[in-house]
Amino acid sequence: MDEVFGKIILSIIKPIKVHNQPVGFVAIDLFLDNLPEIMKSYKLGDGGYSFLISKDGTILYHPNDELVLNKQLQSMSGDLGNIGQQMIKGETDLNLAL
C-alpha cells in the first residue's frame, strides 16, 4: 500500500551491474487500480472465486474487501490457512485436502 496515494502498487527494482559490481538500479511503481476488475473476471465454476496474495501471505485481492491488506492467508482457519502455512514455508508439494 502506497502511503502517499493510499493505493496498492507493485514496485519492481532491478540492479544494474558492470563487471558483476552494482552501479545503480532501475525501478518502477505500477498502480494496481484495475486489479479488482481483473481478478473478478476469472470465473471458477458456479461459486468459486479468485484471490491474490503476496509472498508473505498478505491478501492483496479478495472478494471480501475487509480481508484485503488486513489478513494473511496462513492466519485463516481450515484448509486455506493450512495451505497458506505450507506456501509460506516454501513447500512445493502442498497437502491439499479439498
PDB file of N, CA and C in Angstrom:
ATOM      1  N   MET A   1       0.852  -1.176   0.000  1.00  0.00           N
ATOM      2  CA  MET A   1       0.000   0.000   0.000  1.00  0.00           C
ATOM      3  C   MET A   1       0.894   1.234   0.000  1.00  0.00           C
ATOM      4  N   ASP A   2       0.703   2.077  -0.974  1.00  0.00           N
ATOM      5  CA  ASP A   2       1.478   3.305  -1.055  1.00  0.00           C
ATOM      6  C   ASP A   2       0.957   4.307  -0.028  1.00  0.00           C
ATOM      7  N   GLU A   3       1.841   4.824   0.798  1.00  0.00           N
ATOM      8  CA  GLU A   3       1.428   5.740   1.857  1.00  0.00           C
ATOM      9  C   GLU A   3       1.032   7.114   1.337  1.00  0.00           C
ATOM     10  N   VAL A   4       1.594   7.537   0.224  1.00  0.00           N
ATOM     11  CA  VAL A   4       1.287   8.855  -0.329  1.00  0.00           C
ATOM     12  C   VAL A   4      -0.072   8.859  -1.019  1.00  0.00           C
ATOM     13  N   PHE A   5      -0.295   7.866  -1.905  1.00  0.00           N
ATOM     14  CA  PHE A   5      -1.523   7.832  -2.695  1.00  0.00           C
ATOM     15  C   PHE A   5      -2.623   6.989  -2.066  1.00  0.00           C
ATOM     16  N   GLY A   6      -2.278   6.128  -1.099  1.00  0.00           N
ATOM     17  CA  GLY A   6      -3.273   5.274  -0.467  1.00  0.00           C
ATOM     18  C   GLY A   6      -3.800   4.193  -1.394  1.00  0.00           C
ATOM     19  N   LYS A   7      -2.995   3.777  -2.346  1.00  0.00           N
ATOM     20  CA  LYS A   7      -3.402   2.763  -3.315  1.00  0.00           C
ATOM     21  C   LYS A   7      -2.396   1.621  -3.305  1.00  0.00           C
ATOM     22  N   ILE A   8      -2.848   0.458  -3.795  1.00  0.00           N
ATOM     23  CA  ILE A   8      -1.945  -0.687  -3.914  1.00  0.00           C
ATOM     24  C   ILE A   8      -1.072  -0.480  -5.147  1.00  0.00           C
ATOM     25  N   ILE A   9       0.238  -0.624  -4.947  1.00  0.00           N
ATOM     26  CA  ILE A   9       1.167  -0.513  -6.060  1.00  0.00           C
ATOM     27  C   ILE A   9       2.086  -1.734  -6.079  1.00  0.00           C
ATOM     28  N   LEU A  10       2.622  -2.011  -7.236  1.00  0.00           N
ATOM     29  CA  LEU A  10       3.617  -3.060  -7.396  1.00  0.00           C
ATOM     30  C   LEU A  10       4.922  -2.357  -7.718  1.00  0.00           C
ATOM     31  N   SER A  11       5.923  -2.560  -6.889  1.00  0.00           N
ATOM     32  CA  SER A  11       7.233  -1.959  -7.112  1.00  0.00           C
ATOM     33  C   SER A  11       8.183  -3.003  -7.665  1.00  0.00           C
ATOM     34  N   ILE A  12       8.863  -2.648  -8.730  1.00  0.00           N
ATOM     35  CA  ILE A  12       9.819  -3.543  -9.362  1.00  0.00           C
ATOM     36  C   ILE A  12      11.169  -2.839  -9.381  1.00  0.00           C
ATOM     37  N   ILE A  13      12.196  -3.511  -8.865  1.00  0.00           N
ATOM     38  CA  ILE A  13      13.541  -2.947  -8.818  1.00  0.00           C
ATOM     39  C   ILE A  13      14.517  -3.961  -9.405  1.00  0.00           C
ATOM     40  N   LYS A  14      15.367  -3.495 -10.303  1.00  0.00           N
ATOM     41  CA  LYS A  14      16.357  -4.357 -10.936  1.00  0.00           C
ATOM     42  C   LYS A  14      17.729  -3.695 -10.827  1.00  0.00           C
ATOM     43  N   PRO A  15      18.691  -4.379 -10.202  1.00  0.00           N
ATOM     44  CA  PRO A  15      20.023  -3.782 -10.093  1.00  0.00           C
ATOM     45  C   PRO A  15      20.728  -3.735 -11.454  1.00  0.00           C
ATOM     46  N   ILE A  16      21.556  -2.734 -11.627  1.00  0.00           N
ATOM     47  CA  ILE A  16      22.406  -2.614 -12.811  1.00  0.00           C
ATOM     48  C   ILE A  16      23.826  -2.930 -12.368  1.00  0.00           C
ATOM     49  N   LYS A  17      24.462  -3.875 -13.058  1.00  0.00           N
ATOM     50  CA  LYS A  17      25.815  -4.285 -12.691  1.00  0.00           C
ATOM     51  C   LYS A  17      26.766  -4.099 -13.868  1.00  0.00           C
ATOM     52  N   VAL A  18      27.989  -3.713 -13.557  1.00  0.00           N
ATOM     53  CA  VAL A  18      29.064  -3.644 -14.529  1.00  0.00           C
ATOM     54  C   VAL A  18      30.185  -4.510 -13.985  1.00  0.00           C
ATOM     55  N   HIS A  19      30.586  -5.504 -14.771  1.00  0.00           N
ATOM     56  CA  HIS A  19      31.602  -6.469 -14.320  1.00  0.00           C
ATOM     57  C   HIS A  19      31.201  -7.087 -12.978  1.00  0.00           C
ATOM     58  N   ASN A  20      29.922  -7.404 -12.891  1.00  0.00           N
ATOM     59  CA  ASN A  20      29.342  -8.056 -11.707  1.00  0.00           C
ATOM     60  C   ASN A  20      29.347  -7.190 -10.446  1.00  0.00           C
ATOM     61  N   GLN A  21      29.577  -5.886 -10.605  1.00  0.00           N
ATOM     62  CA  GLN A  21      29.550  -4.954  -9.471  1.00  0.00           C
ATOM     63  C   GLN A  21      28.342  -4.030  -9.623  1.00  0.00           C
ATOM     64  N   PRO A  22      27.546  -3.864  -8.564  1.00  0.00           N
ATOM     65  CA  PRO A  22      26.378  -2.977  -8.672  1.00  0.00           C
ATOM     66  C   PRO A  22      26.802  -1.515  -8.847  1.00  0.00           C
ATOM     67  N   VAL A  23      26.201  -0.867  -9.855  1.00  0.00           N
ATOM     68  CA  VAL A  23      26.489   0.542 -10.119  1.00  0.00           C
ATOM     69  C   VAL A  23      25.231   1.405 -10.062  1.00  0.00           C
ATOM     70  N   GLY A  24      24.092   0.777  -9.901  1.00  0.00           N
ATOM     71  CA  GLY A  24      22.834   1.514  -9.839  1.00  0.00           C
ATOM     72  C   GLY A  24      21.666   0.557  -9.931  1.00  0.00           C
ATOM     73  N   PHE A  25      20.488   1.131 -10.162  1.00  0.00           N
ATOM     74  CA  PHE A  25      19.297   0.297 -10.302  1.00  0.00           C
ATOM     75  C   PHE A  25      18.254   1.032 -11.128  1.00  0.00           C
ATOM     76  N   VAL A  26      17.324   0.260 -11.642  1.00  0.00           N
ATOM     77  CA  VAL A  26      16.160   0.778 -12.356  1.00  0.00           C
ATOM     78  C   VAL A  26      14.948   0.359 -11.548  1.00  0.00           C
ATOM     79  N   ALA A  27      14.014   1.282 -11.363  1.00  0.00           N
ATOM     80  CA  ALA A  27      12.822   0.967 -10.563  1.00  0.00           C
ATOM     81  C   ALA A  27      11.578   1.556 -11.216  1.00  0.00           C
ATOM     82  N   ILE A  28      10.456   0.898 -10.980  1.00  0.00           N
ATOM     83  CA  ILE A  28       9.167   1.380 -11.473  1.00  0.00           C
ATOM     84  C   ILE A  28       8.095   0.992 -10.462  1.00  0.00           C
ATOM     85  N   ASP A  29       7.137   1.865 -10.285  1.00  0.00           N
ATOM     86  CA  ASP A  29       5.960   1.582  -9.462  1.00  0.00           C
ATOM     87  C   ASP A  29       4.753   1.526 -10.382  1.00  0.00           C
ATOM     88  N   LEU A  30       4.009   0.432 -10.309  1.00  0.00           N
ATOM     89  CA  LEU A  30       2.801   0.271 -11.106  1.00  0.00           C
ATOM     90  C   LEU A  30       1.582   0.311 -10.193  1.00  0.00           C
ATOM     91  N   PHE A  31       0.671   1.232 -10.466  1.00  0.00           N
ATOM     92  CA  PHE A  31      -0.557   1.290  -9.693  1.00  0.00           C
ATOM     93  C   PHE A  31      -1.475   0.160 -10.133  1.00  0.00           C
ATOM     94  N   LEU A  32      -2.055  -0.517  -9.174  1.00  0.00           N
ATOM     95  CA  LEU A  32      -2.904  -1.668  -9.467  1.00  0.00           C
ATOM     96  C   LEU A  32      -4.386  -1.331  -9.277  1.00  0.00           C
ATOM     97  N   ASP A  33      -4.784  -0.152  -9.763  1.00  0.00           N
ATOM     98  CA  ASP A  33      -6.178   0.291  -9.627  1.00  0.00           C
ATOM     99  C   ASP A  33      -7.167  -0.672 -10.255  1.00  0.00           C
ATOM    100  N   ASN A  34      -6.775  -1.314 -11.341  1.00  0.00           N
ATOM    101  CA  ASN A  34      -7.691  -2.203 -12.056  1.00  0.00           C
ATOM    102  C   ASN A  34      -7.626  -3.638 -11.552  1.00  0.00           C
ATOM    103  N   LEU A  35      -6.859  -3.889 -10.514  1.00  0.00           N
ATOM    104  CA  LEU A  35      -6.704  -5.250 -10.004  1.00  0.00           C
ATOM    105  C   LEU A  35      -8.040  -5.916  -9.661  1.00  0.00           C
ATOM    106  N   PRO A  36      -8.952  -5.250  -8.944  1.00  0.00           N
ATOM    107  CA  PRO A  36     -10.227  -5.927  -8.630  1.00  0.00           C
ATOM    108  C   PRO A  36     -11.001  -6.363  -9.873  1.00  0.00           C
ATOM    109  N   GLU A  37     -11.045  -5.517 -10.899  1.00  0.00           N
ATOM    110  CA  GLU A  37     -11.770  -5.886 -12.110  1.00  0.00           C
ATOM    111  C   GLU A  37     -11.105  -7.065 -12.819  1.00  0.00           C
ATOM    112  N   ILE A  38      -9.774  -7.068 -12.834  1.00  0.00           N
ATOM    113  CA  ILE A  38      -9.046  -8.167 -13.463  1.00  0.00           C
ATOM    114  C   ILE A  38      -9.330  -9.466 -12.723  1.00  0.00           C
ATOM    115  N   MET A  39      -9.233  -9.441 -11.398  1.00  0.00           N
ATOM    116  CA  MET A  39      -9.426 -10.650 -10.602  1.00  0.00           C
ATOM    117  C   MET A  39     -10.866 -11.151 -10.668  1.00  0.00           C
ATOM    118  N   LYS A  40     -11.834 -10.248 -10.714  1.00  0.00           N
ATOM    119  CA  LYS A  40     -13.239 -10.643 -10.804  1.00  0.00           C
ATOM    120  C   LYS A  40     -13.554 -11.310 -12.137  1.00  0.00           C
ATOM    121  N   SER A  41     -12.741 -11.032 -13.147  1.00  0.00           N
ATOM    122  CA  SER A  41     -13.011 -11.590 -14.479  1.00  0.00           C
ATOM    123  C   SER A  41     -12.715 -13.085 -14.551  1.00  0.00           C
ATOM    124  N   TYR A  42     -11.954 -13.614 -13.609  1.00  0.00           N
ATOM    125  CA  TYR A  42     -11.639 -15.045 -13.605  1.00  0.00           C
ATOM    126  C   TYR A  42     -12.813 -15.807 -13.011  1.00  0.00           C
ATOM    127  N   LYS A  43     -13.432 -16.656 -13.792  1.00  0.00           N
ATOM    128  CA  LYS A  43     -14.589 -17.435 -13.354  1.00  0.00           C
ATOM    129  C   LYS A  43     -14.130 -18.835 -12.965  1.00  0.00           C
ATOM    130  N   LEU A  44     -14.525 -19.267 -11.779  1.00  0.00           N
ATOM    131  CA  LEU A  44     -14.150 -20.586 -11.272  1.00  0.00           C
ATOM    132  C   LEU A  44     -15.413 -21.360 -10.908  1.00  0.00           C
ATOM    133  N   GLY A  45     -16.013 -21.985 -11.902  1.00  0.00           N
ATOM    134  CA  GLY A  45     -17.234 -22.738 -11.668  1.00  0.00           C
ATOM    135  C   GLY A  45     -18.388 -21.826 -11.322  1.00  0.00           C
ATOM    136  N   ASP A  46     -19.378 -22.369 -10.610  1.00  0.00           N
ATOM    137  CA  ASP A  46     -20.568 -21.596 -10.270  1.00  0.00           C
ATOM    138  C   ASP A  46     -20.380 -20.719  -9.036  1.00  0.00           C
ATOM    139  N   GLY A  47     -19.603 -21.175  -8.070  1.00  0.00           N
ATOM    140  CA  GLY A  47     -19.487 -20.406  -6.836  1.00  0.00           C
ATOM    141  C   GLY A  47     -18.063 -20.075  -6.435  1.00  0.00           C
ATOM    142  N   GLY A  48     -17.094 -20.399  -7.287  1.00  0.00           N
ATOM    143  CA  GLY A  48     -15.700 -20.159  -6.938  1.00  0.00           C
ATOM    144  C   GLY A  48     -15.288 -18.717  -7.168  1.00  0.00           C
ATOM    145  N   TYR A  49     -14.168 -18.347  -6.587  1.00  0.00           N
ATOM    146  CA  TYR A  49     -13.635 -17.002  -6.771  1.00  0.00           C
ATOM    147  C   TYR A  49     -12.113 -17.066  -6.685  1.00  0.00           C
ATOM    148  N   SER A  50     -11.485 -16.045  -7.215  1.00  0.00           N
ATOM    149  CA  SER A  50     -10.030 -15.971  -7.158  1.00  0.00           C
ATOM    150  C   SER A  50      -9.625 -14.972  -6.085  1.00  0.00           C
ATOM    151  N   PHE A  51      -8.416 -15.152  -5.581  1.00  0.00           N
ATOM    152  CA  PHE A  51      -7.828 -14.162  -4.685  1.00  0.00           C
ATOM    153  C   PHE A  51      -6.339 -14.123  -4.951  1.00  0.00           C
ATOM    154  N   LEU A  52      -5.697 -13.061  -4.520  1.00  0.00           N
ATOM    155  CA  LEU A  52      -4.284 -12.849  -4.791  1.00  0.00           C
ATOM    156  C   LEU A  52      -3.574 -12.551  -3.481  1.00  0.00           C
ATOM    157  N   ILE A  53      -2.437 -13.216  -3.276  1.00  0.00           N
ATOM    158  CA  ILE A  53      -1.662 -12.985  -2.059  1.00  0.00           C
ATOM    159  C   ILE A  53      -0.234 -12.592  -2.424  1.00  0.00           C
ATOM    160  N   SER A  54       0.410 -11.908  -1.497  1.00  0.00           N
ATOM    161  CA  SER A  54       1.814 -11.562  -1.677  1.00  0.00           C
ATOM    162  C   SER A  54       2.686 -12.712  -1.206  1.00  0.00           C
ATOM    163  N   LYS A  55       3.978 -12.561  -1.370  1.00  0.00           N
ATOM    164  CA  LYS A  55       4.921 -13.615  -0.996  1.00  0.00           C
ATOM    165  C   LYS A  55       4.832 -13.949   0.490  1.00  0.00           C
ATOM    166  N   ASP A  56       4.498 -12.959   1.329  1.00  0.00           N
ATOM    167  CA  ASP A  56       4.401 -13.218   2.772  1.00  0.00           C
ATOM    168  C   ASP A  56       3.008 -13.652   3.202  1.00  0.00           C
ATOM    169  N   GLY A  57       2.099 -13.849   2.234  1.00  0.00           N
ATOM    170  CA  GLY A  57       0.762 -14.339   2.534  1.00  0.00           C
ATOM    171  C   GLY A  57      -0.290 -13.264   2.702  1.00  0.00           C
ATOM    172  N   THR A  58       0.104 -11.987   2.649  1.00  0.00           N
ATOM    173  CA  THR A  58      -0.867 -10.903   2.780  1.00  0.00           C
ATOM    174  C   THR A  58      -1.840 -10.929   1.607  1.00  0.00           C
ATOM    175  N   ILE A  59      -3.111 -10.814   1.917  1.00  0.00           N
ATOM    176  CA  ILE A  59      -4.144 -10.848   0.877  1.00  0.00           C
ATOM    177  C   ILE A  59      -4.175  -9.499   0.164  1.00  0.00           C
ATOM    178  N   LEU A  60      -3.891  -9.527  -1.151  1.00  0.00           N
ATOM    179  CA  LEU A  60      -3.889  -8.319  -1.972  1.00  0.00           C
ATOM    180  C   LEU A  60      -5.210  -8.104  -2.679  1.00  0.00           C
ATOM    181  N   TYR A  61      -5.900  -9.194  -2.991  1.00  0.00           N
ATOM    182  CA  TYR A  61      -7.244  -9.107  -3.544  1.00  0.00           C
ATOM    183  C   TYR A  61      -8.056 -10.271  -3.004  1.00  0.00           C
ATOM    184  N   HIS A  62      -9.282  -9.980  -2.633  1.00  0.00           N
ATOM    185  CA  HIS A  62     -10.259 -10.983  -2.205  1.00  0.00           C
ATOM    186  C   HIS A  62     -11.632 -10.360  -2.418  1.00  0.00           C
ATOM    187  N   PRO A  63     -12.645 -11.138  -2.772  1.00  0.00           N
ATOM    188  CA  PRO A  63     -13.987 -10.568  -2.932  1.00  0.00           C
ATOM    189  C   PRO A  63     -14.494  -9.879  -1.661  1.00  0.00           C
ATOM    190  N   ASN A  64     -14.016 -10.314  -0.509  1.00  0.00           N
ATOM    191  CA  ASN A  64     -14.359  -9.664   0.761  1.00  0.00           C
ATOM    192  C   ASN A  64     -13.324  -8.570   1.015  1.00  0.00           C
ATOM    193  N   ASP A  65     -13.678  -7.326   0.742  1.00  0.00           N
ATOM    194  CA  ASP A  65     -12.750  -6.201   0.861  1.00  0.00           C
ATOM    195  C   ASP A  65     -12.137  -6.060   2.254  1.00  0.00           C
ATOM    196  N   GLU A  66     -12.825  -6.549   3.286  1.00  0.00           N
ATOM    197  CA  GLU A  66     -12.305  -6.432   4.649  1.00  0.00           C
ATOM    198  C   GLU A  66     -11.021  -7.237   4.859  1.00  0.00           C
ATOM    199  N   LEU A  67     -10.788  -8.239   4.025  1.00  0.00           N
ATOM    200  CA  LEU A  67      -9.593  -9.071   4.151  1.00  0.00           C
ATOM    201  C   LEU A  67      -8.372  -8.462   3.475  1.00  0.00           C
ATOM    202  N   VAL A  68      -8.602  -7.592   2.497  1.00  0.00           N
ATOM    203  CA  VAL A  68      -7.513  -7.035   1.691  1.00  0.00           C
ATOM    204  C   VAL A  68      -6.590  -6.191   2.562  1.00  0.00           C
ATOM    205  N   LEU A  69      -5.312  -6.575   2.570  1.00  0.00           N
ATOM    206  CA  LEU A  69      -4.242  -5.930   3.332  1.00  0.00           C
ATOM    207  C   LEU A  69      -4.427  -6.030   4.843  1.00  0.00           C
ATOM    208  N   ASN A  70      -5.461  -6.737   5.292  1.00  0.00           N
ATOM    209  CA  ASN A  70      -5.723  -6.886   6.726  1.00  0.00           C
ATOM    210  C   ASN A  70      -5.551  -8.304   7.228  1.00  0.00           C
ATOM    211  N   LYS A  71      -5.339  -9.249   6.349  1.00  0.00           N
ATOM    212  CA  LYS A  71      -5.284 -10.658   6.740  1.00  0.00           C
ATOM    213  C   LYS A  71      -4.220 -11.366   5.909  1.00  0.00           C
ATOM    214  N   GLN A  72      -3.607 -12.361   6.514  1.00  0.00           N
ATOM    215  CA  GLN A  72      -2.669 -13.209   5.792  1.00  0.00           C
ATOM    216  C   GLN A  72      -3.305 -14.583   5.631  1.00  0.00           C
ATOM    217  N   LEU A  73      -3.058 -15.199   4.481  1.00  0.00           N
ATOM    218  CA  LEU A  73      -3.671 -16.485   4.168  1.00  0.00           C
ATOM    219  C   LEU A  73      -3.380 -17.511   5.252  1.00  0.00           C
ATOM    220  N   GLN A  74      -2.146 -17.562   5.743  1.00  0.00           N
ATOM    221  CA  GLN A  74      -1.763 -18.561   6.734  1.00  0.00           C
ATOM    222  C   GLN A  74      -2.441 -18.357   8.086  1.00  0.00           C
ATOM    223  N   SER A  75      -3.049 -17.202   8.311  1.00  0.00           N
ATOM    224  CA  SER A  75      -3.752 -16.977   9.577  1.00  0.00           C
ATOM    225  C   SER A  75      -5.230 -17.344   9.497  1.00  0.00           C
ATOM    226  N   MET A  76      -5.693 -17.735   8.307  1.00  0.00           N
ATOM    227  CA  MET A  76      -7.095 -18.117   8.155  1.00  0.00           C
ATOM    228  C   MET A  76      -7.299 -19.527   8.702  1.00  0.00           C
ATOM    229  N   SER A  77      -8.517 -19.846   9.024  1.00  0.00           N
ATOM    230  CA  SER A  77      -8.813 -21.173   9.572  1.00  0.00           C
ATOM    231  C   SER A  77      -9.018 -22.178   8.445  1.00  0.00           C
ATOM    232  N   GLY A  78      -8.963 -23.434   8.799  1.00  0.00           N
ATOM    233  CA  GLY A  78      -9.271 -24.511   7.861  1.00  0.00           C
ATOM    234  C   GLY A  78      -8.207 -24.753   6.823  1.00  0.00           C
ATOM    235  N   ASP A  79      -8.660 -25.318   5.693  1.00  0.00           N
ATOM    236  CA  ASP A  79      -7.747 -25.710   4.623  1.00  0.00           C
ATOM    237  C   ASP A  79      -6.955 -24.540   4.053  1.00  0.00           C
ATOM    238  N   LEU A  80      -7.614 -23.373   3.891  1.00  0.00           N
ATOM    239  CA  LEU A  80      -6.894 -22.228   3.333  1.00  0.00           C
ATOM    240  C   LEU A  80      -5.729 -21.826   4.222  1.00  0.00           C
ATOM    241  N   GLY A  81      -5.938 -21.793   5.525  1.00  0.00           N
ATOM    242  CA  GLY A  81      -4.862 -21.458   6.454  1.00  0.00           C
ATOM    243  C   GLY A  81      -3.731 -22.464   6.395  1.00  0.00           C
ATOM    244  N   ASN A  82      -4.079 -23.745   6.323  1.00  0.00           N
ATOM    245  CA  ASN A  82      -3.062 -24.802   6.232  1.00  0.00           C
ATOM    246  C   ASN A  82      -2.261 -24.693   4.940  1.00  0.00           C
ATOM    247  N   ILE A  83      -2.954 -24.449   3.842  1.00  0.00           N
ATOM    248  CA  ILE A  83      -2.266 -24.279   2.559  1.00  0.00           C
ATOM    249  C   ILE A  83      -1.366 -23.049   2.618  1.00  0.00           C
ATOM    250  N   GLY A  84      -1.863 -21.968   3.197  1.00  0.00           N
ATOM    251  CA  GLY A  84      -1.066 -20.750   3.337  1.00  0.00           C
ATOM    252  C   GLY A  84       0.198 -20.995   4.139  1.00  0.00           C
ATOM    253  N   GLN A  85       0.098 -21.744   5.222  1.00  0.00           N
ATOM    254  CA  GLN A  85       1.275 -22.043   6.041  1.00  0.00           C
ATOM    255  C   GLN A  85       2.299 -22.839   5.240  1.00  0.00           C
ATOM    256  N   GLN A  86       1.837 -23.799   4.455  1.00  0.00           N
ATOM    257  CA  GLN A  86       2.749 -24.600   3.630  1.00  0.00           C
ATOM    258  C   GLN A  86       3.422 -23.739   2.565  1.00  0.00           C
ATOM    259  N   MET A  87       2.658 -22.844   1.945  1.00  0.00           N
ATOM    260  CA  MET A  87       3.200 -21.983   0.904  1.00  0.00           C
ATOM    261  C   MET A  87       4.265 -21.052   1.466  1.00  0.00           C
ATOM    262  N   ILE A  88       4.002 -20.444   2.615  1.00  0.00           N
ATOM    263  CA  ILE A  88       4.938 -19.508   3.220  1.00  0.00           C
ATOM    264  C   ILE A  88       6.241 -20.208   3.587  1.00  0.00           C
ATOM    265  N   LYS A  89       6.159 -21.464   3.967  1.00  0.00           N
ATOM    266  CA  LYS A  89       7.362 -22.240   4.290  1.00  0.00           C
ATOM    267  C   LYS A  89       8.140 -22.610   3.032  1.00  0.00           C
ATOM    268  N   GLY A  90       7.552 -22.368   1.849  1.00  0.00           N
ATOM    269  CA  GLY A  90       8.228 -22.686   0.600  1.00  0.00           C
ATOM    270  C   GLY A  90       8.013 -24.103   0.130  1.00  0.00           C
ATOM    271  N   GLU A  91       7.062 -24.797   0.757  1.00  0.00           N
ATOM    272  CA  GLU A  91       6.793 -26.171   0.345  1.00  0.00           C
ATOM    273  C   GLU A  91       6.152 -26.165  -1.042  1.00  0.00           C
ATOM    274  N   THR A  92       6.630 -27.036  -1.891  1.00  0.00           N
ATOM    275  CA  THR A  92       6.102 -27.091  -3.258  1.00  0.00           C
ATOM    276  C   THR A  92       5.153 -28.268  -3.468  1.00  0.00           C
ATOM    277  N   ASP A  93       5.138 -29.188  -2.544  1.00  0.00           N
ATOM    278  CA  ASP A  93       4.257 -30.353  -2.632  1.00  0.00           C
ATOM    279  C   ASP A  93       3.142 -30.156  -1.614  1.00  0.00           C
ATOM    280  N   LEU A  94       2.193 -29.272  -1.923  1.00  0.00           N
ATOM    281  CA  LEU A  94       1.169 -28.899  -0.964  1.00  0.00           C
ATOM    282  C   LEU A  94       0.217 -30.047  -0.685  1.00  0.00           C
ATOM    283  N   ASN A  95      -0.141 -30.174   0.589  1.00  0.00           N
ATOM    284  CA  ASN A  95      -1.063 -31.204   1.030  1.00  0.00           C
ATOM    285  C   ASN A  95      -2.473 -30.629   0.937  1.00  0.00           C
ATOM    286  N   LEU A  96      -3.112 -30.811  -0.205  1.00  0.00           N
ATOM    287  CA  LEU A  96      -4.445 -30.260  -0.441  1.00  0.00           C
ATOM    288  C   LEU A  96      -5.510 -31.265  -0.070  1.00  0.00           C
ATOM    289  N   ALA A  97      -6.357 -30.878   0.857  1.00  0.00           N
ATOM    290  CA  ALA A  97      -7.446 -31.754   1.289  1.00  0.00           C
ATOM    291  C   ALA A  97      -8.772 -31.152   0.846  1.00  0.00           C
ATOM    292  N   LEU A  98      -8.806 -30.673  -0.393  1.00  0.00           N
ATOM    293  CA  LEU A  98     -10.017 -30.000  -0.884  1.00  0.00           C
ATOM    294  C   LEU A  98     -10.970 -30.974  -1.508  1.00  0.00           C
TER     295      LEU A  98
END
